[in-house]
Protein backbone atom coordinates (compact mmCIF):
# COMPACT_ATOMS: atom_id res chain seq x y z
CA MET A 1 6.99 1.24 9.66
CA LYS A 2 4.49 1.82 12.93
CA SER A 3 3.47 -1.71 14.53
CA SER A 4 -0.03 -1.22 12.75
CA GLY A 5 1.69 -1.84 9.64
CA LEU A 6 1.38 1.91 8.42
CA GLU A 7 3.86 4.71 8.25
CA GLU A 8 1.63 7.89 7.64
CA LYS A 9 2.56 11.40 6.46
CA THR A 10 1.04 14.60 5.01
CA VAL A 11 2.82 16.00 1.68
CA VAL A 12 2.16 19.39 1.25
CA ASN A 13 4.91 20.54 -0.81
CA SER A 14 2.49 20.62 -3.68
CA PRO A 15 -0.36 22.19 -4.97
CA VAL A 16 -2.66 19.54 -3.23
CA ALA A 17 -1.79 18.18 0.43
CA TYR A 18 -2.22 14.27 0.06
CA ASP A 19 -2.45 12.09 3.35
CA ILE A 20 -0.32 9.15 2.44
CA LYS A 21 0.09 5.74 4.00
CA VAL A 22 2.70 3.21 3.67
CA ALA A 23 0.82 -0.23 4.18
CA THR A 24 3.24 -3.31 4.36
CA TYR A 25 1.91 -5.91 2.05
CA ASP A 26 0.05 -8.81 3.76
CA ASP A 27 -2.02 -11.77 2.18
CA LYS A 28 -5.36 -9.57 2.75
CA TYR A 29 -4.40 -7.55 -0.02
CA TYR A 30 -3.63 -9.87 -2.60
CA SER A 31 -7.37 -9.87 -3.99
CA VAL A 32 -7.21 -6.07 -4.50
CA LEU A 33 -3.76 -6.62 -6.44
CA GLU A 34 -5.30 -9.38 -8.20
CA THR A 35 -8.14 -6.77 -9.43
CA TRP A 36 -5.80 -4.26 -10.12
CA TRP A 37 -3.60 -6.33 -12.85
CA LYS A 38 -6.98 -7.74 -14.25
CA GLY A 39 -8.08 -3.84 -14.79
CA HIS A 40 -5.02 -3.02 -16.71
CA LYS A 41 -5.55 -6.67 -18.78
CA TRP A 42 -2.37 -8.13 -17.22
CA THR A 43 -2.13 -11.41 -15.79
CA PRO A 44 -1.96 -11.76 -11.98
CA VAL A 45 0.92 -12.13 -10.25
CA PRO A 46 0.75 -15.51 -8.59
CA LYS A 47 0.58 -15.26 -4.64
CA GLN A 48 3.46 -17.28 -4.12
CA MET A 49 5.63 -15.71 -6.52
CA LEU A 50 5.17 -12.23 -4.36
CA THR A 51 7.98 -11.79 -1.69
CA ASP A 52 7.31 -10.89 2.20
CA ILE A 53 8.77 -7.46 1.61
CA GLY A 54 5.91 -5.08 -0.26
CA TYR A 55 4.19 -1.91 0.42
CA ILE A 56 0.67 -0.69 -0.75
CA ILE A 57 0.77 3.21 -0.75
CA ILE A 58 -2.60 4.60 -0.09
CA ILE A 59 -3.41 8.37 -0.58
CA ASN A 60 -6.45 10.06 0.90
CA ASN A 61 -7.97 6.68 1.74
CA MET A 62 -7.78 5.07 -1.47
CA PRO A 63 -4.84 2.25 -2.45
CA VAL A 64 -2.95 3.50 -5.35
CA VAL A 65 0.27 1.73 -6.20
CA ALA A 66 2.02 -1.38 -5.00
CA GLY A 67 5.17 -3.33 -5.54
CA PHE A 68 7.85 -5.54 -3.78
CA LEU A 69 11.51 -5.77 -3.08
CA VAL A 70 12.93 -9.00 -4.14
CA THR A 71 16.27 -9.90 -2.57
CA THR A 72 19.36 -11.42 -3.63
CA ASN A 73 22.79 -13.13 -2.55
CA SER A 74 24.45 -10.08 -4.92
CA GLU A 75 24.84 -6.55 -5.29
CA PRO A 76 21.09 -5.57 -6.53
CA ALA A 77 17.95 -5.92 -4.84
CA LEU A 78 15.09 -6.30 -7.31
CA ILE A 79 11.93 -3.47 -7.27
CA GLU A 80 9.17 -5.89 -9.10
CA TRP A 81 5.75 -6.46 -9.39
CA ILE A 82 4.62 -2.52 -9.38
CA VAL A 83 0.76 -2.31 -10.05
CA LYS A 84 -1.38 0.91 -9.84
CA ASN A 85 -4.91 0.86 -8.86
CA PRO A 86 -6.86 1.67 -12.70
CA GLU A 87 -9.21 4.13 -10.67
CA ALA A 88 -6.05 6.47 -9.82
CA ASN A 89 -5.45 9.23 -11.99
CA ARG A 90 -2.04 10.05 -12.95
CA ALA A 91 -0.88 12.86 -10.21
CA LEU A 92 -2.26 10.24 -7.60
CA ALA A 93 -0.16 7.55 -9.72
CA LYS A 94 2.94 9.63 -9.86
CA VAL A 95 3.27 10.63 -6.06
CA GLY A 96 2.49 6.76 -5.17
CA LEU A 97 5.06 5.46 -7.30
CA ASN A 98 7.29 7.73 -5.67
CA GLU A 99 6.44 7.26 -2.06
CA LEU A 100 6.48 3.18 -3.25
CA TYR A 101 9.74 3.35 -4.63
CA ASP A 102 11.42 5.55 -1.55
CA ALA A 103 9.98 2.80 0.69
CA LEU A 104 11.59 -0.17 -1.44
CA GLU A 105 14.54 1.73 -1.93
CA GLY A 106 14.90 2.81 1.54
CA LYS A 107 14.43 -1.10 2.69
CA ALA A 108 17.08 -2.20 -0.18
CA ARG A 109 19.66 0.10 1.81
CA LYS A 110 18.52 -0.66 5.07
CA LEU A 111 19.63 -4.64 3.83
CA GLY A 112 22.60 -3.65 2.26
CA TYR A 113 22.06 -3.44 -1.36
CA LYS A 114 23.88 -1.11 -3.46
CA MET A 115 21.60 -1.58 -6.57
CA ALA A 116 18.19 -1.85 -7.48
CA ILE A 117 16.89 -3.37 -10.73
CA SER A 118 13.32 -3.31 -12.08
CA PHE A 119 11.95 -4.66 -15.22
CA PHE A 120 9.14 -2.56 -17.24
CA GLN A 121 7.17 -3.06 -20.43
CA HIS A 122 5.07 -0.12 -19.47
CA LYS A 123 6.07 3.31 -21.06
CA GLY A 124 4.82 5.05 -17.91
CA LEU A 125 6.83 2.97 -15.52
CA LYS A 126 10.00 3.34 -17.78
CA ASP A 127 9.37 6.96 -18.23
CA PHE A 128 8.95 7.06 -13.88
CA ALA A 129 12.14 5.03 -14.00
CA MET A 130 14.46 7.55 -16.13
CA ASP A 131 13.03 10.42 -14.25
CA ARG A 132 14.10 8.70 -10.85
CA GLY A 133 17.70 8.07 -12.45
CA TYR A 134 17.62 4.40 -13.24
CA THR A 135 19.40 3.65 -16.71
CA PRO A 136 18.05 1.50 -19.05
CA ALA A 137 20.13 -2.01 -19.31
CA GLU A 138 18.36 -3.58 -22.24
CA GLU A 139 16.09 -2.31 -25.28
CA GLN A 140 13.96 -5.02 -25.54
CA ILE A 141 13.88 -8.31 -22.87
CA ASP A 142 11.31 -11.12 -22.90
CA VAL A 143 10.71 -12.78 -19.59
CA PHE A 144 10.27 -16.23 -19.03
CA VAL A 145 9.34 -18.61 -16.05
CA GLY A 146 10.08 -21.85 -15.45
CA ARG A 147 9.07 -24.18 -12.49
CA LEU A 148 11.60 -26.27 -10.72
């Protein structure tokens, strides 16, 4: 990443040229993500549950998707809390998701991880993961959170 927290590139291998920035997450983006979660009628993830490794993908000056890498002390890392801007169209979302996963998987590899796990309930995200080569491990899973 550049010292500004943005990695910039232009993607031209598609019918449309995209100006893409990969911004490192910091708390100034939380209100944006909270708005996105609410826009999808999802419960916003509490700020204290987000890790310090996260990215916001900005395409043509529009924040499009965000997600986080959750580190573990075992072989897999988790790629979680994926959310897209409800105003972003499917084409931008797909480009953004690929850029997001490139960034998160790349960071995981640099940290020595050999595998990534993501939990999805949204069909579009499940399809995206399958297209990317992820394999479903469970057909049905419920997630429970308990305070310690």
